[in-house]
């Protein structure tokens, strides 16, 4: 049996949330807004590490979006679930306010098309 101890050497835990934004997006603005939402989430949600410096990295040109990874940090492995949920909800609301579109792919006749949110 393989046992993974998530509490050693530290109980703190970093995790990634992946999201895609429209190719029309101003990536500097997307990064700024996403970092603000990370800070807000970690400050307001139990388990978040309030002094963590938010990290956002763009990593791929996807079929329908430019993809990024938002990195957050929590006190305990199990805290990631509530913090991730809060972050996703806050980010979706904030992106709507900032007119940052999260496109979703659709298929017609076997061809993938990007559809703005």
C-alpha atoms as a PDB file:
ATOM      1  CA  UNK A   1       0.000   0.000   0.000  1.00  0.00           C
ATOM      2  CA  UNK A   2       1.234   3.488  -0.826  1.00  0.00           C
ATOM      3  CA  UNK A   3       0.395   6.160   1.734  1.00  0.00           C
ATOM      4  CA  UNK A   4       0.844   9.844   0.955  1.00  0.00           C
ATOM      5  CA  UNK A   5       1.296  12.123   3.955  1.00  0.00           C
ATOM      6  CA  UNK A   6       0.146  15.583   2.890  1.00  0.00           C
ATOM      7  CA  UNK A   7       1.207  17.083   6.220  1.00  0.00           C
ATOM      8  CA  UNK A   8       4.964  16.611   5.925  1.00  0.00           C
ATOM      9  CA  UNK A   9       7.200  18.493   5.720  1.00  0.00           C
ATOM     10  CA  UNK A  10       4.510  21.219   5.943  1.00  0.00           C
ATOM     11  CA  UNK A  11       0.753  21.045   6.072  1.00  0.00           C
ATOM     12  CA  UNK A  12       0.475  24.020   3.674  1.00  0.00           C
ATOM     13  CA  UNK A  13      -0.656  23.101   0.201  1.00  0.00           C
ATOM     14  CA  UNK A  14      -0.544  24.829  -3.189  1.00  0.00           C
ATOM     15  CA  UNK A  15      -3.028  23.964  -5.894  1.00  0.00           C
ATOM     16  CA  UNK A  16      -3.826  25.033  -9.445  1.00  0.00           C
ATOM     17  CA  UNK A  17      -7.052  26.189 -11.052  1.00  0.00           C
ATOM     18  CA  UNK A  18      -6.991  26.182 -14.848  1.00  0.00           C
ATOM     19  CA  UNK A  19      -9.137  28.570 -16.870  1.00  0.00           C
ATOM     20  CA  UNK A  20      -9.284  29.716 -20.471  1.00  0.00           C
ATOM     21  CA  UNK A  21      -9.970  33.225 -21.724  1.00  0.00           C
ATOM     22  CA  UNK A  22     -10.957  34.514 -25.141  1.00  0.00           C
ATOM     23  CA  UNK A  23      -8.265  35.176 -27.710  1.00  0.00           C
ATOM     24  CA  UNK A  24      -9.526  38.775 -27.751  1.00  0.00           C
ATOM     25  CA  UNK A  25      -8.554  39.261 -24.090  1.00  0.00           C
ATOM     26  CA  UNK A  26      -6.004  41.770 -22.843  1.00  0.00           C
ATOM     27  CA  UNK A  27      -3.758  39.266 -21.065  1.00  0.00           C
ATOM     28  CA  UNK A  28      -2.172  41.870 -18.774  1.00  0.00           C
ATOM     29  CA  UNK A  29      -5.655  42.819 -17.582  1.00  0.00           C
ATOM     30  CA  UNK A  30      -6.653  39.159 -17.181  1.00  0.00           C
ATOM     31  CA  UNK A  31      -3.544  38.510 -15.080  1.00  0.00           C
ATOM     32  CA  UNK A  32      -4.170  41.573 -12.888  1.00  0.00           C
ATOM     33  CA  UNK A  33      -7.829  40.714 -12.276  1.00  0.00           C
ATOM     34  CA  UNK A  34      -7.062  37.045 -11.592  1.00  0.00           C
ATOM     35  CA  UNK A  35      -4.383  37.972  -9.025  1.00  0.00           C
ATOM     36  CA  UNK A  36      -6.821  40.349  -7.312  1.00  0.00           C
ATOM     37  CA  UNK A  37      -9.414  37.572  -7.092  1.00  0.00           C
ATOM     38  CA  UNK A  38      -6.809  35.143  -5.713  1.00  0.00           C
ATOM     39  CA  UNK A  39      -5.931  37.627  -2.951  1.00  0.00           C
ATOM     40  CA  UNK A  40      -9.592  38.313  -2.193  1.00  0.00           C
ATOM     41  CA  UNK A  41     -10.383  34.601  -2.020  1.00  0.00           C
ATOM     42  CA  UNK A  42      -7.431  33.723   0.203  1.00  0.00           C
ATOM     43  CA  UNK A  43      -8.251  36.608   2.533  1.00  0.00           C
ATOM     44  CA  UNK A  44     -11.982  35.938   2.805  1.00  0.00           C
ATOM     45  CA  UNK A  45     -12.109  32.131   2.754  1.00  0.00           C
ATOM     46  CA  UNK A  46     -11.244  30.031   5.779  1.00  0.00           C
ATOM     47  CA  UNK A  47      -8.096  28.010   5.148  1.00  0.00           C
ATOM     48  CA  UNK A  48      -6.559  30.439   2.668  1.00  0.00           C
ATOM     49  CA  UNK A  49      -3.043  31.737   3.307  1.00  0.00           C
ATOM     50  CA  UNK A  50      -3.633  35.469   3.392  1.00  0.00           C
ATOM     51  CA  UNK A  51      -0.042  36.578   2.708  1.00  0.00           C
ATOM     52  CA  UNK A  52       0.529  34.254  -0.264  1.00  0.00           C
ATOM     53  CA  UNK A  53       1.737  36.105  -3.350  1.00  0.00           C
ATOM     54  CA  UNK A  54      -0.673  35.113  -6.143  1.00  0.00           C
ATOM     55  CA  UNK A  55       0.739  33.379  -9.189  1.00  0.00           C
ATOM     56  CA  UNK A  56      -0.834  33.391 -12.659  1.00  0.00           C
ATOM     57  CA  UNK A  57       0.851  31.710 -15.623  1.00  0.00           C
ATOM     58  CA  UNK A  58      -0.384  31.540 -19.209  1.00  0.00           C
ATOM     59  CA  UNK A  59       0.593  28.181 -20.614  1.00  0.00           C
ATOM     60  CA  UNK A  60      -1.189  27.291 -23.868  1.00  0.00           C
ATOM     61  CA  UNK A  61      -3.027  28.441 -26.945  1.00  0.00           C
ATOM     62  CA  UNK A  62      -6.022  26.114 -26.744  1.00  0.00           C
ATOM     63  CA  UNK A  63      -8.593  25.273 -29.412  1.00  0.00           C
ATOM     64  CA  UNK A  64     -10.964  27.928 -28.140  1.00  0.00           C
ATOM     65  CA  UNK A  65      -9.026  29.893 -25.511  1.00  0.00           C
ATOM     66  CA  UNK A  66      -5.722  31.091 -24.142  1.00  0.00           C
ATOM     67  CA  UNK A  67      -5.210  28.940 -21.068  1.00  0.00           C
ATOM     68  CA  UNK A  68      -3.845  30.020 -17.729  1.00  0.00           C
ATOM     69  CA  UNK A  69      -3.099  28.474 -14.367  1.00  0.00           C
ATOM     70  CA  UNK A  70      -3.962  30.320 -11.169  1.00  0.00           C
ATOM     71  CA  UNK A  71      -1.967  29.063  -8.191  1.00  0.00           C
ATOM     72  CA  UNK A  72      -3.399  29.412  -4.689  1.00  0.00           C
ATOM     73  CA  UNK A  73      -2.122  28.276  -1.280  1.00  0.00           C
ATOM     74  CA  UNK A  74      -3.994  26.926   1.741  1.00  0.00           C
ATOM     75  CA  UNK A  75      -3.114  25.920   5.286  1.00  0.00           C
ATOM     76  CA  UNK A  76      -4.208  22.318   4.962  1.00  0.00           C
ATOM     77  CA  UNK A  77      -4.722  19.813   2.134  1.00  0.00           C
ATOM     78  CA  UNK A  78      -8.470  19.646   2.784  1.00  0.00           C
ATOM     79  CA  UNK A  79      -8.835  23.462   2.671  1.00  0.00           C
ATOM     80  CA  UNK A  80      -8.209  23.472  -1.075  1.00  0.00           C
ATOM     81  CA  UNK A  81     -11.727  22.299  -1.905  1.00  0.00           C
ATOM     82  CA  UNK A  82     -13.618  25.169  -0.255  1.00  0.00           C
ATOM     83  CA  UNK A  83     -11.047  27.727  -1.412  1.00  0.00           C
ATOM     84  CA  UNK A  84     -11.120  26.422  -4.995  1.00  0.00           C
ATOM     85  CA  UNK A  85     -14.911  26.592  -5.070  1.00  0.00           C
ATOM     86  CA  UNK A  86     -14.939  30.146  -3.687  1.00  0.00           C
ATOM     87  CA  UNK A  87     -12.234  31.218  -6.167  1.00  0.00           C
ATOM     88  CA  UNK A  88     -14.075  29.832  -9.191  1.00  0.00           C
ATOM     89  CA  UNK A  89     -17.312  31.561  -8.184  1.00  0.00           C
ATOM     90  CA  UNK A  90     -15.575  34.888  -7.490  1.00  0.00           C
ATOM     91  CA  UNK A  91     -13.518  34.712 -10.694  1.00  0.00           C
ATOM     92  CA  UNK A  92     -16.557  34.023 -12.876  1.00  0.00           C
ATOM     93  CA  UNK A  93     -18.416  37.024 -11.384  1.00  0.00           C
ATOM     94  CA  UNK A  94     -15.378  39.303 -11.681  1.00  0.00           C
ATOM     95  CA  UNK A  95     -14.643  38.238 -15.257  1.00  0.00           C
ATOM     96  CA  UNK A  96     -18.240  39.124 -16.185  1.00  0.00           C
ATOM     97  CA  UNK A  97     -17.827  42.552 -14.535  1.00  0.00           C
ATOM     98  CA  UNK A  98     -14.566  43.128 -16.423  1.00  0.00           C
ATOM     99  CA  UNK A  99     -15.954  41.830 -19.761  1.00  0.00           C
ATOM    100  CA  UNK A 100     -13.414  39.002 -19.822  1.00  0.00           C
ATOM    101  CA  UNK A 101     -14.949  36.137 -21.743  1.00  0.00           C
ATOM    102  CA  UNK A 102     -14.484  32.478 -20.877  1.00  0.00           C
ATOM    103  CA  UNK A 103     -15.243  30.795 -24.219  1.00  0.00           C
ATOM    104  CA  UNK A 104     -16.505  27.280 -24.530  1.00  0.00           C
ATOM    105  CA  UNK A 105     -16.022  24.953 -27.489  1.00  0.00           C
ATOM    106  CA  UNK A 106     -18.923  23.587 -29.508  1.00  0.00           C
ATOM    107  CA  UNK A 107     -18.878  20.950 -32.205  1.00  0.00           C
ATOM    108  CA  UNK A 108     -20.743  21.086 -35.501  1.00  0.00           C
ATOM    109  CA  UNK A 109     -20.070  18.507 -38.202  1.00  0.00           C
ATOM    110  CA  UNK A 110     -17.025  17.282 -36.278  1.00  0.00           C
ATOM    111  CA  UNK A 111     -15.405  20.744 -36.244  1.00  0.00           C
ATOM    112  CA  UNK A 112     -14.700  22.547 -32.977  1.00  0.00           C
ATOM    113  CA  UNK A 113     -15.771  26.199 -32.867  1.00  0.00           C
ATOM    114  CA  UNK A 114     -15.065  28.722 -30.107  1.00  0.00           C
ATOM    115  CA  UNK A 115     -18.159  30.382 -28.764  1.00  0.00           C
ATOM    116  CA  UNK A 116     -17.699  33.481 -26.589  1.00  0.00           C
ATOM    117  CA  UNK A 117     -19.400  33.369 -23.210  1.00  0.00           C
END
